[in-house]
């Protein structure tokens, strides 16, 4: 398995999100050009897992997000941190939509 998530992008629409199951995992959001604008997690406190998390995103997509991709994993916390760190390594900053994370404390990040 590669560290970076390289699955194809899916349009961020109600119809596509409705097809998801309630699994735990991680997801990325991108703008129309395919640039990652947010990295998120559907963990143990997420109501309805990925489906619920992305349904919430549909209400107010961050930073112009128009598409998503996801990965089902029980190791969602570790995978979330891996994706954030890989993005920061590649771009020297976090995605523009991840304004709730202080990159200086990324290695010690805890999920609610």
C-alpha atoms as a PDB file:
ATOM      1  CA  UNK A   1       0.000   0.000   0.000  1.00  0.00           C
ATOM      2  CA  UNK A   2       1.282   3.431  -0.913  1.00  0.00           C
ATOM      3  CA  UNK A   3       1.303   6.225   1.657  1.00  0.00           C
ATOM      4  CA  UNK A   4      -0.505   8.627  -0.652  1.00  0.00           C
ATOM      5  CA  UNK A   5      -4.134   8.020  -1.528  1.00  0.00           C
ATOM      6  CA  UNK A   6      -4.240   7.607  -5.304  1.00  0.00           C
ATOM      7  CA  UNK A   7      -7.762   6.389  -6.002  1.00  0.00           C
ATOM      8  CA  UNK A   8      -9.790   8.159  -8.706  1.00  0.00           C
ATOM      9  CA  UNK A   9     -11.812  11.220  -7.745  1.00  0.00           C
ATOM     10  CA  UNK A  10     -15.599  10.940  -7.376  1.00  0.00           C
ATOM     11  CA  UNK A  11     -17.919  13.937  -7.886  1.00  0.00           C
ATOM     12  CA  UNK A  12     -19.000  15.340  -4.516  1.00  0.00           C
ATOM     13  CA  UNK A  13     -22.739  14.980  -4.996  1.00  0.00           C
ATOM     14  CA  UNK A  14     -25.576  13.693  -2.850  1.00  0.00           C
ATOM     15  CA  UNK A  15     -26.083  10.786  -5.254  1.00  0.00           C
ATOM     16  CA  UNK A  16     -22.468   9.608  -4.941  1.00  0.00           C
ATOM     17  CA  UNK A  17     -22.275  10.098  -1.175  1.00  0.00           C
ATOM     18  CA  UNK A  18     -25.568   8.212  -0.722  1.00  0.00           C
ATOM     19  CA  UNK A  19     -23.914   5.109  -2.211  1.00  0.00           C
ATOM     20  CA  UNK A  20     -21.339   4.942   0.590  1.00  0.00           C
ATOM     21  CA  UNK A  21     -21.664   2.612   3.551  1.00  0.00           C
ATOM     22  CA  UNK A  22     -21.215   3.607   7.159  1.00  0.00           C
ATOM     23  CA  UNK A  23     -17.620   2.355   7.337  1.00  0.00           C
ATOM     24  CA  UNK A  24     -14.855   4.095   9.242  1.00  0.00           C
ATOM     25  CA  UNK A  25     -12.011   5.584   7.250  1.00  0.00           C
ATOM     26  CA  UNK A  26     -10.353   8.631   5.757  1.00  0.00           C
ATOM     27  CA  UNK A  27     -11.172  10.871   2.836  1.00  0.00           C
ATOM     28  CA  UNK A  28      -9.723  13.650   0.743  1.00  0.00           C
ATOM     29  CA  UNK A  29     -11.573  16.502  -0.899  1.00  0.00           C
ATOM     30  CA  UNK A  30     -10.340  18.270  -4.026  1.00  0.00           C
ATOM     31  CA  UNK A  31     -11.258  21.246  -6.149  1.00  0.00           C
ATOM     32  CA  UNK A  32     -12.253  20.957  -9.808  1.00  0.00           C
ATOM     33  CA  UNK A  33      -8.585  20.835 -10.864  1.00  0.00           C
ATOM     34  CA  UNK A  34      -7.879  17.854  -8.600  1.00  0.00           C
ATOM     35  CA  UNK A  35      -5.876  19.799  -5.994  1.00  0.00           C
ATOM     36  CA  UNK A  36      -6.421  18.423  -2.495  1.00  0.00           C
ATOM     37  CA  UNK A  37      -8.121  21.054  -0.329  1.00  0.00           C
ATOM     38  CA  UNK A  38      -9.023  18.971   2.748  1.00  0.00           C
ATOM     39  CA  UNK A  39      -8.114  15.688   4.405  1.00  0.00           C
ATOM     40  CA  UNK A  40     -10.701  14.265   6.771  1.00  0.00           C
ATOM     41  CA  UNK A  41     -11.473  11.285   8.936  1.00  0.00           C
ATOM     42  CA  UNK A  42     -14.626   9.379   9.804  1.00  0.00           C
ATOM     43  CA  UNK A  43     -13.696   7.821  13.109  1.00  0.00           C
ATOM     44  CA  UNK A  44     -15.410   6.134  15.997  1.00  0.00           C
ATOM     45  CA  UNK A  45     -17.348   9.282  16.918  1.00  0.00           C
ATOM     46  CA  UNK A  46     -18.597   9.849  13.359  1.00  0.00           C
ATOM     47  CA  UNK A  47     -22.291   9.204  13.013  1.00  0.00           C
ATOM     48  CA  UNK A  48     -22.751   6.834  10.015  1.00  0.00           C
ATOM     49  CA  UNK A  49     -19.013   6.747   9.240  1.00  0.00           C
ATOM     50  CA  UNK A  50     -17.840   7.964   5.842  1.00  0.00           C
ATOM     51  CA  UNK A  51     -21.370   8.394   4.569  1.00  0.00           C
ATOM     52  CA  UNK A  52     -22.243  10.650   7.509  1.00  0.00           C
ATOM     53  CA  UNK A  53     -19.016  12.645   7.378  1.00  0.00           C
ATOM     54  CA  UNK A  54     -19.335  13.337   3.654  1.00  0.00           C
ATOM     55  CA  UNK A  55     -23.031  14.147   3.989  1.00  0.00           C
ATOM     56  CA  UNK A  56     -21.992  16.880   6.446  1.00  0.00           C
ATOM     57  CA  UNK A  57     -19.346  18.087   3.989  1.00  0.00           C
ATOM     58  CA  UNK A  58     -22.041  18.486   1.326  1.00  0.00           C
ATOM     59  CA  UNK A  59     -23.723  21.154   3.481  1.00  0.00           C
ATOM     60  CA  UNK A  60     -20.685  23.463   3.210  1.00  0.00           C
ATOM     61  CA  UNK A  61     -17.807  22.017   1.166  1.00  0.00           C
ATOM     62  CA  UNK A  62     -14.507  23.500   2.382  1.00  0.00           C
ATOM     63  CA  UNK A  63     -12.274  25.515   0.062  1.00  0.00           C
ATOM     64  CA  UNK A  64     -14.307  24.906  -3.093  1.00  0.00           C
ATOM     65  CA  UNK A  65     -14.280  21.108  -2.874  1.00  0.00           C
ATOM     66  CA  UNK A  66     -16.120  19.449  -5.756  1.00  0.00           C
ATOM     67  CA  UNK A  67     -14.835  15.873  -5.585  1.00  0.00           C
ATOM     68  CA  UNK A  68     -13.726  13.252  -3.078  1.00  0.00           C
ATOM     69  CA  UNK A  69     -11.980   9.939  -2.655  1.00  0.00           C
ATOM     70  CA  UNK A  70     -11.868   7.703   0.372  1.00  0.00           C
ATOM     71  CA  UNK A  71     -10.321   4.664   1.979  1.00  0.00           C
ATOM     72  CA  UNK A  72     -12.047   2.324   4.411  1.00  0.00           C
ATOM     73  CA  UNK A  73      -9.767   1.463   7.318  1.00  0.00           C
ATOM     74  CA  UNK A  74     -10.072   0.546  10.962  1.00  0.00           C
ATOM     75  CA  UNK A  75      -6.710   2.274  11.499  1.00  0.00           C
ATOM     76  CA  UNK A  76      -8.331   5.597  10.588  1.00  0.00           C
ATOM     77  CA  UNK A  77      -6.379   7.718  13.088  1.00  0.00           C
ATOM     78  CA  UNK A  78      -2.972   6.479  11.936  1.00  0.00           C
ATOM     79  CA  UNK A  79      -3.973   6.687   8.267  1.00  0.00           C
ATOM     80  CA  UNK A  80      -5.319  10.228   8.732  1.00  0.00           C
ATOM     81  CA  UNK A  81      -2.011  11.347  10.225  1.00  0.00           C
ATOM     82  CA  UNK A  82      -0.097   9.614   7.407  1.00  0.00           C
ATOM     83  CA  UNK A  83      -2.091  11.459   4.757  1.00  0.00           C
ATOM     84  CA  UNK A  84      -1.638  14.813   6.500  1.00  0.00           C
ATOM     85  CA  UNK A  85       2.101  14.243   6.898  1.00  0.00           C
ATOM     86  CA  UNK A  86       2.503  13.119   3.271  1.00  0.00           C
ATOM     87  CA  UNK A  87       0.677  16.210   2.052  1.00  0.00           C
ATOM     88  CA  UNK A  88       2.792  18.457   4.272  1.00  0.00           C
ATOM     89  CA  UNK A  89       5.958  16.753   3.020  1.00  0.00           C
ATOM     90  CA  UNK A  90       4.935  17.322  -0.607  1.00  0.00           C
ATOM     91  CA  UNK A  91       3.693  20.917  -0.210  1.00  0.00           C
ATOM     92  CA  UNK A  92       5.375  22.258   2.957  1.00  0.00           C
ATOM     93  CA  UNK A  93       1.959  23.122   4.442  1.00  0.00           C
ATOM     94  CA  UNK A  94      -1.372  21.453   5.164  1.00  0.00           C
ATOM     95  CA  UNK A  95      -4.356  21.609   2.780  1.00  0.00           C
ATOM     96  CA  UNK A  96      -6.118  24.993   2.790  1.00  0.00           C
ATOM     97  CA  UNK A  97      -9.291  23.499   4.262  1.00  0.00           C
ATOM     98  CA  UNK A  98      -7.527  21.942   7.258  1.00  0.00           C
ATOM     99  CA  UNK A  99      -7.530  25.207   9.188  1.00  0.00           C
ATOM    100  CA  UNK A 100      -8.405  23.416  12.442  1.00  0.00           C
ATOM    101  CA  UNK A 101      -4.981  21.728  12.692  1.00  0.00           C
ATOM    102  CA  UNK A 102      -1.824  23.308  14.051  1.00  0.00           C
ATOM    103  CA  UNK A 103       0.892  21.672  11.936  1.00  0.00           C
ATOM    104  CA  UNK A 104       3.447  22.138  14.746  1.00  0.00           C
ATOM    105  CA  UNK A 105       1.518  19.593  16.817  1.00  0.00           C
ATOM    106  CA  UNK A 106       0.596  17.177  14.036  1.00  0.00           C
ATOM    107  CA  UNK A 107       2.490  14.223  15.490  1.00  0.00           C
ATOM    108  CA  UNK A 108       0.629  14.610  18.793  1.00  0.00           C
ATOM    109  CA  UNK A 109      -2.807  15.153  17.234  1.00  0.00           C
ATOM    110  CA  UNK A 110      -5.670  13.426  19.008  1.00  0.00           C
ATOM    111  CA  UNK A 111      -9.121  12.941  17.569  1.00  0.00           C
ATOM    112  CA  UNK A 112     -12.098  13.845  19.756  1.00  0.00           C
END
